[in-house]
Amino acid sequence: DIGVAPVPPRVLDDQDPYSGHVESTQGNTMLSHRNFMVTDAVAISGFPRSAQELFYFIPTGRFPLDPKQVMDAARKRHSPTVVLVDDEVAAFANIYDVHLGEYCCTGNVIVDSSKRGQGVGSYLLHCMEQRAITEYGATEHRLSCFASNTRALTWYSRMGYQPFAMEERSNYLGRPEMILHMAKKSCPGPAC
C-alpha cells in the first residue's frame, strides 16, 4: 500500500532551494522560512535553556545540546525547516512518520526563548502544516507533546490540535512521563 510506504529522509546540504515568502508580524519583525542548513545547527543548539527544555525538543538528547545532536535529529527526519526573524535563525521543526496521502507528524519543535510570544511558533507550525500537505499529501497533521509541557499543550490546542491518544514514556530523569498525541485535519491554504 503506497499510503503507508516509508519515505526516506533527504540528504542535508547547504544548497537546498526550498524557501518561503517573507511575512510581517508584530511591529517590524520580519519572518521567513527555509530548509535547515548544516550551518544552522550551532544556533539551534543554543535554544534549550535546561535539560527539561531539551527533553521537550529532543527527548533522547543530552544537555547541554551540541550541534552534532541537532544534525542527527535533522538527518533522521524529513523537511527540516527553520524560521528566520530578521535573517537570524529563531525556530526549528521537522516532519516524521510520513504516511503519503494520509498523515505525517511534526516534531523537534523549538523556538528561541527570546523570540517566543511574537508569532514565530505559529508561523513555524503553519509552515510545517503546509509542507505536509504539499510535499506528502497529508490530510491530517499530527504532533506529540509531553503532559508536563503545559504551555505547549495550551498553544497546540489553540492552534486546533486535539488529543487522540497518550502513552507513558520515561523523562530525562528516568521518571514516568505521559506524552499526548494530537491531531488536526489539514486545511490547505495559501502556500507557506
N, C-alpha and C. Protein backbone atom coordinates (compact mmCIF):
# COMPACT_ATOMS: atom_id res chain seq x y z
N ASP A 1 0.85 -1.19 0.00
CA ASP A 1 0.00 0.00 0.00
C ASP A 1 0.89 1.24 0.00
N ILE A 2 0.80 2.05 -1.02
CA ILE A 2 1.65 3.23 -1.13
C ILE A 2 1.38 4.26 -0.03
N GLY A 3 0.18 4.24 0.53
CA GLY A 3 -0.17 5.21 1.56
C GLY A 3 0.65 5.08 2.82
N VAL A 4 1.23 3.91 3.10
CA VAL A 4 1.99 3.74 4.32
C VAL A 4 3.45 3.42 4.02
N ALA A 5 3.87 3.59 2.79
CA ALA A 5 5.27 3.34 2.44
C ALA A 5 6.16 4.34 3.15
N PRO A 6 7.23 3.84 3.79
CA PRO A 6 8.13 4.79 4.45
C PRO A 6 8.82 5.69 3.43
N VAL A 7 8.99 6.92 3.80
CA VAL A 7 9.66 7.89 2.94
C VAL A 7 11.03 8.14 3.55
N PRO A 8 12.11 7.86 2.82
CA PRO A 8 13.44 8.07 3.40
C PRO A 8 13.74 9.55 3.57
N PRO A 9 14.45 9.92 4.65
CA PRO A 9 14.84 11.32 4.82
C PRO A 9 15.78 11.76 3.70
N ARG A 10 15.76 13.08 3.41
CA ARG A 10 16.64 13.65 2.40
C ARG A 10 18.04 13.81 2.95
N VAL A 11 18.99 13.88 2.05
CA VAL A 11 20.36 14.22 2.42
C VAL A 11 20.40 15.73 2.63
N LEU A 12 21.02 16.15 3.72
CA LEU A 12 21.09 17.58 4.03
C LEU A 12 22.33 18.20 3.41
N ASP A 13 22.17 19.37 2.84
CA ASP A 13 23.31 20.15 2.38
C ASP A 13 22.93 21.62 2.44
N ASP A 14 23.87 22.48 2.16
CA ASP A 14 23.61 23.91 2.24
C ASP A 14 23.16 24.50 0.91
N GLN A 15 22.81 23.67 -0.05
CA GLN A 15 22.37 24.14 -1.37
C GLN A 15 20.88 23.91 -1.60
N ASP A 16 20.12 23.69 -0.55
CA ASP A 16 18.71 23.36 -0.68
C ASP A 16 17.91 24.57 -1.14
N PRO A 17 17.09 24.45 -2.19
CA PRO A 17 16.40 25.60 -2.75
C PRO A 17 15.10 25.98 -2.04
N TYR A 18 14.57 25.15 -1.12
CA TYR A 18 13.29 25.47 -0.51
C TYR A 18 13.40 26.72 0.34
N SER A 19 12.56 27.67 0.10
CA SER A 19 12.47 28.84 0.97
C SER A 19 11.09 29.43 0.80
N GLY A 20 10.70 30.24 1.75
CA GLY A 20 9.35 30.78 1.72
C GLY A 20 9.33 32.28 1.64
N HIS A 21 8.13 32.80 1.53
CA HIS A 21 7.98 34.24 1.42
C HIS A 21 8.19 34.90 2.77
N VAL A 22 8.31 36.17 2.75
CA VAL A 22 8.51 36.95 3.97
C VAL A 22 7.16 37.49 4.41
N GLU A 23 6.95 37.51 5.68
CA GLU A 23 5.68 37.93 6.23
C GLU A 23 5.93 38.85 7.42
N SER A 24 5.19 39.89 7.56
CA SER A 24 5.34 40.80 8.69
C SER A 24 4.45 40.33 9.83
N THR A 25 4.98 40.37 11.04
CA THR A 25 4.17 40.04 12.21
C THR A 25 4.10 41.28 13.08
N GLN A 26 4.20 41.10 14.39
CA GLN A 26 4.10 42.22 15.31
C GLN A 26 5.22 43.22 15.09
N GLY A 27 4.88 44.46 15.10
CA GLY A 27 5.88 45.50 14.93
C GLY A 27 6.60 45.39 13.61
N ASN A 28 7.91 45.53 13.65
CA ASN A 28 8.72 45.47 12.44
C ASN A 28 9.41 44.13 12.25
N THR A 29 9.01 43.12 13.00
CA THR A 29 9.63 41.80 12.90
C THR A 29 9.27 41.17 11.56
N MET A 30 10.31 40.74 10.82
CA MET A 30 10.10 40.08 9.54
C MET A 30 10.41 38.59 9.68
N LEU A 31 9.45 37.76 9.30
CA LEU A 31 9.61 36.31 9.38
C LEU A 31 9.76 35.73 7.99
N SER A 32 10.64 34.77 7.86
CA SER A 32 10.77 33.99 6.63
C SER A 32 11.15 32.58 7.06
N HIS A 33 11.14 31.66 6.12
CA HIS A 33 11.50 30.28 6.43
C HIS A 33 12.25 29.67 5.26
N ARG A 34 12.97 28.61 5.58
CA ARG A 34 13.71 27.86 4.57
C ARG A 34 14.07 26.51 5.16
N ASN A 35 14.62 25.65 4.31
CA ASN A 35 15.13 24.38 4.80
C ASN A 35 16.30 24.63 5.75
N PHE A 36 16.40 23.77 6.73
CA PHE A 36 17.54 23.75 7.64
C PHE A 36 18.82 23.56 6.83
N MET A 37 19.85 24.26 7.21
CA MET A 37 21.17 24.07 6.61
C MET A 37 22.14 23.67 7.73
N VAL A 38 23.19 22.99 7.36
CA VAL A 38 24.17 22.50 8.31
C VAL A 38 24.64 23.61 9.24
N THR A 39 24.83 24.79 8.70
CA THR A 39 25.33 25.91 9.49
C THR A 39 24.33 26.40 10.56
N ASP A 40 23.07 25.99 10.47
CA ASP A 40 22.05 26.38 11.45
C ASP A 40 22.18 25.64 12.78
N ALA A 41 22.89 24.50 12.76
CA ALA A 41 22.95 23.65 13.95
C ALA A 41 23.55 24.36 15.16
N VAL A 42 24.49 25.25 14.94
CA VAL A 42 25.11 25.96 16.05
C VAL A 42 24.08 26.83 16.76
N ALA A 43 23.34 27.62 16.02
CA ALA A 43 22.33 28.50 16.63
C ALA A 43 21.26 27.68 17.36
N ILE A 44 20.76 26.63 16.71
CA ILE A 44 19.69 25.82 17.30
C ILE A 44 20.16 25.12 18.56
N SER A 45 21.43 24.72 18.60
CA SER A 45 21.93 24.02 19.80
C SER A 45 21.89 24.92 21.04
N GLY A 46 21.80 26.22 20.85
CA GLY A 46 21.70 27.13 21.99
C GLY A 46 20.28 27.41 22.45
N PHE A 47 19.28 26.90 21.76
CA PHE A 47 17.88 27.20 22.12
C PHE A 47 17.44 26.58 23.45
N PRO A 48 17.67 25.28 23.72
CA PRO A 48 17.20 24.72 25.00
C PRO A 48 18.01 25.29 26.17
N ARG A 49 17.30 25.87 27.14
CA ARG A 49 17.97 26.50 28.27
C ARG A 49 18.15 25.57 29.46
N SER A 50 17.53 24.39 29.40
CA SER A 50 17.61 23.45 30.52
C SER A 50 17.47 22.03 29.98
N ALA A 51 17.78 21.06 30.83
CA ALA A 51 17.62 19.66 30.44
C ALA A 51 16.15 19.36 30.15
N GLN A 52 15.23 20.00 30.86
CA GLN A 52 13.81 19.78 30.62
C GLN A 52 13.41 20.33 29.25
N GLU A 53 13.85 21.53 28.89
CA GLU A 53 13.54 22.07 27.56
C GLU A 53 14.12 21.19 26.46
N LEU A 54 15.32 20.69 26.68
CA LEU A 54 15.92 19.78 25.70
C LEU A 54 15.08 18.52 25.58
N PHE A 55 14.60 17.98 26.69
CA PHE A 55 13.75 16.79 26.67
C PHE A 55 12.50 17.03 25.82
N TYR A 56 11.90 18.19 25.94
CA TYR A 56 10.72 18.50 25.12
C TYR A 56 11.08 18.60 23.64
N PHE A 57 12.27 19.07 23.32
CA PHE A 57 12.73 19.27 21.95
C PHE A 57 13.25 17.97 21.33
N ILE A 58 14.21 17.35 21.97
CA ILE A 58 14.79 16.07 21.52
C ILE A 58 14.84 15.16 22.75
N PRO A 59 13.82 14.33 22.94
CA PRO A 59 13.72 13.53 24.17
C PRO A 59 14.95 12.68 24.48
N THR A 60 15.69 12.26 23.46
CA THR A 60 16.87 11.43 23.69
C THR A 60 18.15 12.27 23.77
N GLY A 61 18.04 13.59 23.70
CA GLY A 61 19.21 14.46 23.71
C GLY A 61 19.91 14.51 25.06
N ARG A 62 21.15 14.94 25.02
CA ARG A 62 21.98 15.12 26.22
C ARG A 62 22.26 16.61 26.41
N PHE A 63 21.99 17.09 27.61
CA PHE A 63 22.20 18.50 27.91
C PHE A 63 23.62 18.71 28.41
N PRO A 64 24.31 19.75 27.97
CA PRO A 64 23.84 20.75 27.02
C PRO A 64 23.86 20.22 25.58
N LEU A 65 22.93 20.71 24.81
CA LEU A 65 22.82 20.30 23.42
C LEU A 65 24.01 20.81 22.62
N ASP A 66 24.47 20.00 21.67
CA ASP A 66 25.55 20.43 20.80
C ASP A 66 25.10 20.30 19.35
N PRO A 67 25.80 20.95 18.42
CA PRO A 67 25.39 20.93 17.01
C PRO A 67 25.27 19.52 16.42
N LYS A 68 26.09 18.58 16.86
CA LYS A 68 26.01 17.21 16.33
C LYS A 68 24.66 16.58 16.64
N GLN A 69 24.13 16.82 17.84
CA GLN A 69 22.82 16.27 18.19
C GLN A 69 21.72 16.88 17.31
N VAL A 70 21.84 18.17 17.02
CA VAL A 70 20.87 18.83 16.13
C VAL A 70 20.96 18.22 14.75
N MET A 71 22.18 18.02 14.24
CA MET A 71 22.37 17.41 12.91
C MET A 71 21.78 16.00 12.87
N ASP A 72 22.00 15.22 13.93
CA ASP A 72 21.44 13.87 13.98
C ASP A 72 19.92 13.90 13.91
N ALA A 73 19.31 14.82 14.65
CA ALA A 73 17.84 14.93 14.63
C ALA A 73 17.35 15.34 13.24
N ALA A 74 18.04 16.26 12.60
CA ALA A 74 17.63 16.72 11.27
C ALA A 74 17.81 15.63 10.21
N ARG A 75 18.87 14.86 10.30
CA ARG A 75 19.14 13.81 9.30
C ARG A 75 18.16 12.65 9.36
N LYS A 76 17.62 12.38 10.52
CA LYS A 76 16.75 11.22 10.70
C LYS A 76 15.30 11.49 10.28
N ARG A 77 15.01 12.73 9.94
CA ARG A 77 13.62 13.10 9.65
C ARG A 77 13.52 13.80 8.31
N HIS A 78 12.34 14.33 8.02
CA HIS A 78 12.04 14.94 6.73
C HIS A 78 11.79 16.44 6.88
N SER A 79 12.00 17.16 5.79
CA SER A 79 11.63 18.57 5.67
C SER A 79 12.08 19.42 6.87
N PRO A 80 13.33 19.29 7.31
CA PRO A 80 13.77 20.14 8.43
C PRO A 80 13.70 21.61 8.01
N THR A 81 13.06 22.39 8.85
CA THR A 81 12.73 23.77 8.49
C THR A 81 13.17 24.72 9.60
N VAL A 82 13.67 25.88 9.21
CA VAL A 82 13.96 26.93 10.18
C VAL A 82 13.14 28.16 9.83
N VAL A 83 12.79 28.89 10.87
CA VAL A 83 12.17 30.21 10.71
C VAL A 83 13.24 31.22 11.05
N LEU A 84 13.30 32.25 10.23
CA LEU A 84 14.24 33.34 10.45
C LEU A 84 13.48 34.58 10.89
N VAL A 85 14.00 35.25 11.90
CA VAL A 85 13.48 36.55 12.33
C VAL A 85 14.56 37.55 11.99
N ASP A 86 14.24 38.45 11.08
CA ASP A 86 15.22 39.43 10.61
C ASP A 86 16.54 38.74 10.23
N ASP A 87 16.42 37.64 9.49
CA ASP A 87 17.54 36.86 8.95
C ASP A 87 18.35 36.07 9.98
N GLU A 88 17.86 35.95 11.21
CA GLU A 88 18.52 35.12 12.21
C GLU A 88 17.65 33.92 12.52
N VAL A 89 18.28 32.74 12.68
CA VAL A 89 17.54 31.52 12.98
C VAL A 89 16.84 31.68 14.33
N ALA A 90 15.51 31.46 14.33
CA ALA A 90 14.72 31.67 15.53
C ALA A 90 13.88 30.46 15.92
N ALA A 91 13.72 29.48 15.01
CA ALA A 91 12.89 28.32 15.32
C ALA A 91 13.24 27.18 14.38
N PHE A 92 12.89 25.97 14.79
CA PHE A 92 13.20 24.77 14.03
C PHE A 92 12.11 23.72 14.25
N ALA A 93 11.84 22.93 13.23
CA ALA A 93 10.96 21.76 13.33
C ALA A 93 11.24 20.87 12.14
N ASN A 94 10.73 19.64 12.19
CA ASN A 94 10.85 18.72 11.07
C ASN A 94 9.62 17.82 11.01
N ILE A 95 9.59 16.95 10.03
CA ILE A 95 8.45 16.04 9.82
C ILE A 95 8.96 14.60 9.94
N TYR A 96 8.13 13.75 10.52
CA TYR A 96 8.45 12.33 10.64
C TYR A 96 7.16 11.51 10.51
N ASP A 97 7.31 10.21 10.52
CA ASP A 97 6.18 9.29 10.44
C ASP A 97 5.25 9.66 9.27
N VAL A 98 5.84 9.70 8.08
CA VAL A 98 5.12 10.10 6.87
C VAL A 98 4.31 8.92 6.33
N HIS A 99 3.03 9.13 6.15
CA HIS A 99 2.12 8.18 5.51
C HIS A 99 1.50 8.93 4.33
N LEU A 100 2.10 8.75 3.16
CA LEU A 100 1.72 9.51 1.97
C LEU A 100 0.21 9.52 1.75
N GLY A 101 -0.32 10.72 1.54
CA GLY A 101 -1.75 10.89 1.27
C GLY A 101 -2.63 10.75 2.49
N GLU A 102 -2.06 10.49 3.64
CA GLU A 102 -2.84 10.32 4.87
C GLU A 102 -2.43 11.34 5.93
N TYR A 103 -1.34 11.08 6.61
CA TYR A 103 -0.89 12.00 7.67
C TYR A 103 0.61 11.94 7.80
N CYS A 104 1.14 12.95 8.49
CA CYS A 104 2.52 12.94 8.94
C CYS A 104 2.57 13.78 10.21
N CYS A 105 3.70 13.68 10.90
CA CYS A 105 3.84 14.33 12.20
C CYS A 105 4.92 15.40 12.18
N THR A 106 4.69 16.46 12.90
CA THR A 106 5.71 17.48 13.12
C THR A 106 6.39 17.19 14.44
N GLY A 107 7.71 17.27 14.45
CA GLY A 107 8.45 17.01 15.68
C GLY A 107 9.64 17.93 15.82
N ASN A 108 10.35 17.74 16.92
CA ASN A 108 11.53 18.55 17.24
C ASN A 108 11.23 20.04 17.09
N VAL A 109 10.08 20.45 17.61
CA VAL A 109 9.66 21.86 17.52
C VAL A 109 10.32 22.66 18.63
N ILE A 110 10.99 23.74 18.25
CA ILE A 110 11.58 24.63 19.26
C ILE A 110 11.67 26.05 18.71
N VAL A 111 11.42 27.00 19.60
CA VAL A 111 11.55 28.42 19.28
C VAL A 111 12.54 29.01 20.27
N ASP A 112 13.46 29.81 19.78
CA ASP A 112 14.41 30.51 20.64
C ASP A 112 13.63 31.26 21.71
N SER A 113 14.03 31.11 22.97
CA SER A 113 13.26 31.70 24.07
C SER A 113 13.11 33.22 23.93
N SER A 114 14.06 33.89 23.31
CA SER A 114 13.95 35.34 23.15
C SER A 114 12.95 35.73 22.06
N LYS A 115 12.46 34.75 21.30
CA LYS A 115 11.51 35.04 20.22
C LYS A 115 10.10 34.51 20.51
N ARG A 116 9.91 33.90 21.65
CA ARG A 116 8.59 33.35 21.99
C ARG A 116 7.60 34.47 22.24
N GLY A 117 6.33 34.18 21.94
CA GLY A 117 5.28 35.17 22.14
C GLY A 117 5.22 36.23 21.06
N GLN A 118 5.92 36.02 19.93
CA GLN A 118 5.97 37.00 18.85
C GLN A 118 5.40 36.45 17.54
N GLY A 119 4.72 35.29 17.60
CA GLY A 119 4.14 34.71 16.40
C GLY A 119 5.07 33.78 15.64
N VAL A 120 6.28 33.59 16.13
CA VAL A 120 7.27 32.74 15.44
C VAL A 120 6.81 31.29 15.42
N GLY A 121 6.36 30.77 16.56
CA GLY A 121 5.90 29.38 16.64
C GLY A 121 4.69 29.13 15.76
N SER A 122 3.75 30.05 15.74
CA SER A 122 2.56 29.89 14.89
C SER A 122 2.95 29.87 13.42
N TYR A 123 3.87 30.75 13.05
CA TYR A 123 4.36 30.79 11.68
C TYR A 123 5.04 29.46 11.33
N LEU A 124 5.89 28.96 12.24
CA LEU A 124 6.58 27.69 12.02
C LEU A 124 5.58 26.55 11.85
N LEU A 125 4.62 26.46 12.74
CA LEU A 125 3.65 25.36 12.67
C LEU A 125 2.84 25.43 11.38
N HIS A 126 2.46 26.63 10.96
CA HIS A 126 1.74 26.80 9.69
C HIS A 126 2.62 26.32 8.53
N CYS A 127 3.90 26.67 8.56
CA CYS A 127 4.82 26.22 7.51
C CYS A 127 4.88 24.69 7.46
N MET A 128 4.97 24.06 8.62
CA MET A 128 5.07 22.60 8.66
C MET A 128 3.78 21.95 8.16
N GLU A 129 2.65 22.53 8.52
CA GLU A 129 1.36 22.01 8.02
C GLU A 129 1.29 22.12 6.50
N GLN A 130 1.70 23.26 5.96
CA GLN A 130 1.66 23.44 4.51
C GLN A 130 2.63 22.50 3.80
N ARG A 131 3.80 22.28 4.38
CA ARG A 131 4.74 21.34 3.79
C ARG A 131 4.16 19.92 3.80
N ALA A 132 3.49 19.56 4.88
CA ALA A 132 2.89 18.22 4.97
C ALA A 132 1.85 18.02 3.87
N ILE A 133 1.09 19.06 3.60
CA ILE A 133 0.06 18.99 2.55
C ILE A 133 0.70 18.93 1.17
N THR A 134 1.60 19.87 0.90
CA THR A 134 2.15 19.97 -0.46
C THR A 134 3.18 18.90 -0.79
N GLU A 135 3.99 18.49 0.17
CA GLU A 135 5.04 17.52 -0.11
C GLU A 135 4.61 16.07 0.09
N TYR A 136 3.65 15.84 0.99
CA TYR A 136 3.28 14.47 1.33
C TYR A 136 1.79 14.17 1.17
N GLY A 137 1.01 15.16 0.73
CA GLY A 137 -0.42 14.95 0.52
C GLY A 137 -1.18 14.67 1.78
N ALA A 138 -0.70 15.15 2.91
CA ALA A 138 -1.32 14.87 4.20
C ALA A 138 -2.72 15.49 4.30
N THR A 139 -3.65 14.70 4.78
CA THR A 139 -5.00 15.20 5.06
C THR A 139 -5.20 15.38 6.57
N GLU A 140 -4.23 14.93 7.33
CA GLU A 140 -4.24 15.12 8.79
C GLU A 140 -2.82 15.40 9.22
N HIS A 141 -2.70 16.29 10.19
CA HIS A 141 -1.39 16.62 10.71
C HIS A 141 -1.34 16.24 12.18
N ARG A 142 -0.24 15.62 12.60
CA ARG A 142 -0.11 15.15 13.97
C ARG A 142 1.16 15.68 14.62
N LEU A 143 1.13 15.69 15.95
CA LEU A 143 2.31 16.01 16.74
C LEU A 143 2.13 15.38 18.11
N SER A 144 3.19 15.35 18.88
CA SER A 144 3.15 14.80 20.23
C SER A 144 3.74 15.81 21.19
N CYS A 145 3.21 15.83 22.41
CA CYS A 145 3.65 16.80 23.40
C CYS A 145 3.59 16.16 24.79
N PHE A 146 4.62 16.35 25.57
CA PHE A 146 4.64 15.81 26.92
C PHE A 146 3.65 16.56 27.80
N ALA A 147 2.97 15.83 28.67
CA ALA A 147 1.91 16.40 29.51
C ALA A 147 2.44 17.50 30.42
N SER A 148 3.68 17.42 30.85
CA SER A 148 4.22 18.45 31.73
C SER A 148 4.53 19.76 31.00
N ASN A 149 4.47 19.75 29.68
CA ASN A 149 4.74 20.95 28.89
C ASN A 149 3.42 21.69 28.65
N THR A 150 2.85 22.20 29.73
CA THR A 150 1.50 22.79 29.65
C THR A 150 1.44 24.01 28.73
N ARG A 151 2.49 24.79 28.68
CA ARG A 151 2.48 25.96 27.78
C ARG A 151 2.30 25.51 26.33
N ALA A 152 3.05 24.48 25.92
CA ALA A 152 2.94 23.98 24.55
C ALA A 152 1.58 23.31 24.32
N LEU A 153 1.10 22.54 25.30
CA LEU A 153 -0.22 21.89 25.14
C LEU A 153 -1.31 22.93 24.93
N THR A 154 -1.27 23.99 25.71
CA THR A 154 -2.27 25.07 25.56
C THR A 154 -2.16 25.70 24.19
N TRP A 155 -0.95 25.96 23.74
CA TRP A 155 -0.73 26.57 22.43
C TRP A 155 -1.20 25.65 21.30
N TYR A 156 -0.84 24.37 21.35
CA TYR A 156 -1.29 23.43 20.30
C TYR A 156 -2.81 23.35 20.26
N SER A 157 -3.44 23.38 21.41
CA SER A 157 -4.91 23.36 21.45
C SER A 157 -5.48 24.61 20.77
N ARG A 158 -4.89 25.76 21.03
CA ARG A 158 -5.33 27.00 20.37
C ARG A 158 -5.11 26.94 18.86
N MET A 159 -4.13 26.16 18.43
CA MET A 159 -3.81 26.01 17.01
C MET A 159 -4.70 24.95 16.35
N GLY A 160 -5.64 24.38 17.10
CA GLY A 160 -6.61 23.44 16.53
C GLY A 160 -6.30 21.97 16.72
N TYR A 161 -5.25 21.63 17.45
CA TYR A 161 -4.89 20.23 17.69
C TYR A 161 -5.67 19.67 18.87
N GLN A 162 -6.13 18.43 18.73
CA GLN A 162 -6.88 17.75 19.78
C GLN A 162 -6.20 16.42 20.10
N PRO A 163 -6.13 16.05 21.39
CA PRO A 163 -5.53 14.76 21.75
C PRO A 163 -6.35 13.59 21.20
N PHE A 164 -5.65 12.54 20.74
CA PHE A 164 -6.34 11.33 20.30
C PHE A 164 -5.78 10.08 20.97
N ALA A 165 -4.63 10.20 21.62
CA ALA A 165 -4.04 9.06 22.32
C ALA A 165 -2.97 9.58 23.28
N MET A 166 -2.59 8.73 24.23
CA MET A 166 -1.47 9.07 25.11
C MET A 166 -0.75 7.79 25.49
N GLU A 167 0.51 7.96 25.87
CA GLU A 167 1.29 6.80 26.28
C GLU A 167 2.32 7.24 27.30
N GLU A 168 2.82 6.28 28.04
CA GLU A 168 3.82 6.58 29.05
C GLU A 168 5.21 6.44 28.46
N ARG A 169 6.06 7.38 28.79
CA ARG A 169 7.48 7.36 28.41
C ARG A 169 8.28 7.65 29.67
N SER A 170 9.58 7.58 29.56
CA SER A 170 10.46 7.98 30.67
C SER A 170 11.06 9.33 30.33
N ASN A 171 11.10 10.22 31.32
CA ASN A 171 11.68 11.54 31.06
C ASN A 171 13.20 11.50 31.23
N TYR A 172 13.82 12.65 31.15
CA TYR A 172 15.28 12.76 31.20
C TYR A 172 15.85 12.35 32.55
N LEU A 173 15.01 12.24 33.58
CA LEU A 173 15.44 11.78 34.90
C LEU A 173 15.11 10.31 35.11
N GLY A 174 14.52 9.67 34.08
CA GLY A 174 14.14 8.27 34.19
C GLY A 174 12.79 8.06 34.86
N ARG A 175 12.06 9.13 35.10
CA ARG A 175 10.75 9.04 35.75
C ARG A 175 9.65 8.92 34.69
N PRO A 176 8.51 8.32 35.07
CA PRO A 176 7.40 8.20 34.11
C PRO A 176 6.88 9.58 33.69
N GLU A 177 6.54 9.70 32.42
CA GLU A 177 6.04 10.95 31.85
C GLU A 177 5.03 10.58 30.77
N MET A 178 3.87 11.21 30.79
CA MET A 178 2.88 10.94 29.77
C MET A 178 3.10 11.85 28.56
N ILE A 179 2.94 11.27 27.38
CA ILE A 179 3.02 12.04 26.14
C ILE A 179 1.65 11.98 25.48
N LEU A 180 1.15 13.11 25.05
CA LEU A 180 -0.14 13.18 24.36
C LEU A 180 0.10 13.28 22.87
N HIS A 181 -0.59 12.46 22.10
CA HIS A 181 -0.54 12.51 20.64
C HIS A 181 -1.76 13.32 20.20
N MET A 182 -1.52 14.33 19.38
CA MET A 182 -2.56 15.28 18.99
C MET A 182 -2.67 15.34 17.47
N ALA A 183 -3.85 15.70 16.98
CA ALA A 183 -4.07 15.76 15.53
C ALA A 183 -5.04 16.87 15.18
N LYS A 184 -4.94 17.29 13.92
CA LYS A 184 -5.94 18.19 13.35
C LYS A 184 -6.00 17.90 11.86
N LYS A 185 -7.15 18.10 11.28
CA LYS A 185 -7.31 17.89 9.84
C LYS A 185 -6.57 18.97 9.09
N SER A 186 -5.96 18.56 7.98
CA SER A 186 -5.24 19.53 7.15
C SER A 186 -6.23 20.50 6.52
N CYS A 187 -5.81 21.72 6.42
CA CYS A 187 -6.64 22.76 5.83
C CYS A 187 -5.78 23.51 4.82
N PRO A 188 -5.81 23.08 3.55
CA PRO A 188 -4.96 23.75 2.56
C PRO A 188 -5.27 25.25 2.51
N GLY A 189 -4.23 26.02 2.52
CA GLY A 189 -4.40 27.46 2.46
C GLY A 189 -3.31 28.04 1.60
N PRO A 190 -3.11 29.32 1.70
CA PRO A 190 -2.03 29.94 0.91
C PRO A 190 -0.71 29.25 1.24
N ALA A 191 0.09 29.03 0.24
CA ALA A 191 1.38 28.37 0.45
C ALA A 191 2.19 29.14 1.49
N CYS A 192 2.87 28.40 2.30
CA CYS A 192 3.68 28.98 3.38
C CYS A 192 4.88 29.66 2.78
